Amino acid sequence: MALEHKPQVIVLDIGLPGADGYELARMLKQHPQLRHIRLVAHTGYGSPEDRRRALEAGFDAHLVKPAELEDLERRCAASAPGRPLL
């Protein structure tokens, strides 16, 4: 879907069935046509270890559910992919 739609931002949960959000983030960031996409984790996993894993997997931002709309908008609109907003 990402190749077809070419989004600027993907808001992604980490606790997914099958491949988790960490794995999906790695796959997206490794793809040459998709690595520019800003990835925002919106998850129930909020420990320091979870935040570290999100950054290592390629997420640009990490929000714990339920996130405030203002926080989500700010992280989605942040200018530079690859610059973490954890």
C-alpha atoms as a PDB file:
ATOM      1  CA  MET A   1       0.000   0.000   0.000  1.00  0.00           C
ATOM      2  CA  ALA A   2       2.798   2.416   0.834  1.00  0.00           C
ATOM      3  CA  LEU A   3       4.331   1.967  -2.638  1.00  0.00           C
ATOM      4  CA  GLU A   4       0.977   2.568  -4.265  1.00  0.00           C
ATOM      5  CA  HIS A   5      -0.095   5.597  -2.213  1.00  0.00           C
ATOM      6  CA  LYS A   6       3.320   7.105  -1.377  1.00  0.00           C
ATOM      7  CA  PRO A   7       2.254   8.776   1.891  1.00  0.00           C
ATOM      8  CA  GLN A   8       4.341  11.444   3.589  1.00  0.00           C
ATOM      9  CA  VAL A   9       3.507  10.085   7.068  1.00  0.00           C
ATOM     10  CA  ILE A  10       2.415   6.721   8.429  1.00  0.00           C
ATOM     11  CA  VAL A  11       0.994   6.449  11.952  1.00  0.00           C
ATOM     12  CA  LEU A  12       1.615   2.874  12.983  1.00  0.00           C
ATOM     13  CA  ASP A  13       0.777   0.747  15.997  1.00  0.00           C
ATOM     14  CA  ILE A  14       3.543  -1.512  17.292  1.00  0.00           C
ATOM     15  CA  GLY A  15       1.366  -4.350  18.602  1.00  0.00           C
ATOM     16  CA  LEU A  16       0.206  -5.804  15.290  1.00  0.00           C
ATOM     17  CA  PRO A  17      -0.728  -9.413  14.530  1.00  0.00           C
ATOM     18  CA  GLY A  18       1.917 -11.307  12.600  1.00  0.00           C
ATOM     19  CA  ALA A  19       4.777  -8.877  11.898  1.00  0.00           C
ATOM     20  CA  ASP A  20       4.930  -6.234  14.632  1.00  0.00           C
ATOM     21  CA  GLY A  21       5.276  -2.504  14.036  1.00  0.00           C
ATOM     22  CA  TYR A  22       9.020  -2.613  14.665  1.00  0.00           C
ATOM     23  CA  GLU A  23       9.469  -5.108  11.845  1.00  0.00           C
ATOM     24  CA  LEU A  24       7.190  -3.160   9.517  1.00  0.00           C
ATOM     25  CA  ALA A  25       9.073   0.075  10.267  1.00  0.00           C
ATOM     26  CA  ARG A  26      12.388  -1.613   9.406  1.00  0.00           C
ATOM     27  CA  MET A  27      10.952  -2.921   6.130  1.00  0.00           C
ATOM     28  CA  LEU A  28       9.624   0.522   5.159  1.00  0.00           C
ATOM     29  CA  LYS A  29      12.861   2.347   6.012  1.00  0.00           C
ATOM     30  CA  GLN A  30      14.969  -0.191   4.106  1.00  0.00           C
ATOM     31  CA  HIS A  31      12.993   0.262   0.888  1.00  0.00           C
ATOM     32  CA  PRO A  32      14.610   2.938  -1.328  1.00  0.00           C
ATOM     33  CA  GLN A  33      11.274   4.427  -2.426  1.00  0.00           C
ATOM     34  CA  LEU A  34       9.846   4.515   1.100  1.00  0.00           C
ATOM     35  CA  ARG A  35      12.681   5.497   3.416  1.00  0.00           C
ATOM     36  CA  HIS A  36      11.650   9.176   3.278  1.00  0.00           C
ATOM     37  CA  ILE A  37       8.248   8.451   4.861  1.00  0.00           C
ATOM     38  CA  ARG A  38       7.874   9.854   8.366  1.00  0.00           C
ATOM     39  CA  LEU A  39       6.922   7.019  10.737  1.00  0.00           C
ATOM     40  CA  VAL A  40       5.024   7.811  13.928  1.00  0.00           C
ATOM     41  CA  ALA A  41       4.480   5.033  16.471  1.00  0.00           C
ATOM     42  CA  HIS A  42       1.110   5.342  18.237  1.00  0.00           C
ATOM     43  CA  THR A  43       1.208   2.541  20.745  1.00  0.00           C
ATOM     44  CA  GLY A  44       0.390   1.300  24.193  1.00  0.00           C
ATOM     45  CA  TYR A  45       4.068   0.416  24.671  1.00  0.00           C
ATOM     46  CA  GLY A  46       5.617   3.370  26.472  1.00  0.00           C
ATOM     47  CA  SER A  47       8.643   2.228  28.464  1.00  0.00           C
ATOM     48  CA  PRO A  48      12.092   3.692  27.806  1.00  0.00           C
ATOM     49  CA  GLU A  49      13.015   0.339  26.225  1.00  0.00           C
ATOM     50  CA  ASP A  50       9.996   0.582  23.891  1.00  0.00           C
ATOM     51  CA  ARG A  51      11.033   4.090  22.837  1.00  0.00           C
ATOM     52  CA  ARG A  52      14.609   2.928  22.210  1.00  0.00           C
ATOM     53  CA  ARG A  53      13.381  -0.006  20.106  1.00  0.00           C
ATOM     54  CA  ALA A  54      11.119   2.318  18.099  1.00  0.00           C
ATOM     55  CA  LEU A  55      14.031   4.631  17.291  1.00  0.00           C
ATOM     56  CA  GLU A  56      16.256   1.706  16.316  1.00  0.00           C
ATOM     57  CA  ALA A  57      13.510   0.297  14.068  1.00  0.00           C
ATOM     58  CA  GLY A  58      13.262   3.568  12.147  1.00  0.00           C
ATOM     59  CA  PHE A  59      10.367   5.416  13.766  1.00  0.00           C
ATOM     60  CA  ASP A  60      10.736   9.197  13.710  1.00  0.00           C
ATOM     61  CA  ALA A  61       8.376   9.742  16.644  1.00  0.00           C
ATOM     62  CA  HIS A  62       6.837   7.697  19.454  1.00  0.00           C
ATOM     63  CA  LEU A  63       3.479   8.484  21.066  1.00  0.00           C
ATOM     64  CA  VAL A  64       1.808   6.497  23.820  1.00  0.00           C
ATOM     65  CA  LYS A  65      -1.937   5.869  23.542  1.00  0.00           C
ATOM     66  CA  PRO A  66      -4.095   7.743  23.978  1.00  0.00           C
ATOM     67  CA  ALA A  67      -2.116  10.551  22.362  1.00  0.00           C
ATOM     68  CA  GLU A  68      -3.356  14.122  22.347  1.00  0.00           C
ATOM     69  CA  LEU A  69      -4.332  15.324  18.875  1.00  0.00           C
ATOM     70  CA  GLU A  70      -1.935  18.289  19.183  1.00  0.00           C
ATOM     71  CA  ASP A  71       0.993  15.935  19.892  1.00  0.00           C
ATOM     72  CA  LEU A  72       0.067  13.716  16.946  1.00  0.00           C
ATOM     73  CA  GLU A  73      -0.256  16.697  14.597  1.00  0.00           C
ATOM     74  CA  ARG A  74       3.091  18.122  15.740  1.00  0.00           C
ATOM     75  CA  ARG A  75       4.944  14.856  15.182  1.00  0.00           C
ATOM     76  CA  CYS A  76       3.302  14.243  11.824  1.00  0.00           C
ATOM     77  CA  ALA A  77       4.189  17.747  10.644  1.00  0.00           C
ATOM     78  CA  ALA A  78       7.789  17.763  11.907  1.00  0.00           C
ATOM     79  CA  SER A  79      10.070  18.745   9.110  1.00  0.00           C
ATOM     80  CA  ALA A  80      12.962  16.313   8.938  1.00  0.00           C
ATOM     81  CA  PRO A  81      12.404  12.559   8.701  1.00  0.00           C
ATOM     82  CA  GLY A  82      15.176  10.784  10.524  1.00  0.00           C
ATOM     83  CA  ARG A  83      15.216  13.419  13.254  1.00  0.00           C
ATOM     84  CA  PRO A  84      13.586  11.604  16.211  1.00  0.00           C
ATOM     85  CA  LEU A  85      10.810  13.268  18.166  1.00  0.00           C
ATOM     86  CA  LEU A  86      10.522  10.692  20.907  1.00  0.00           C
END
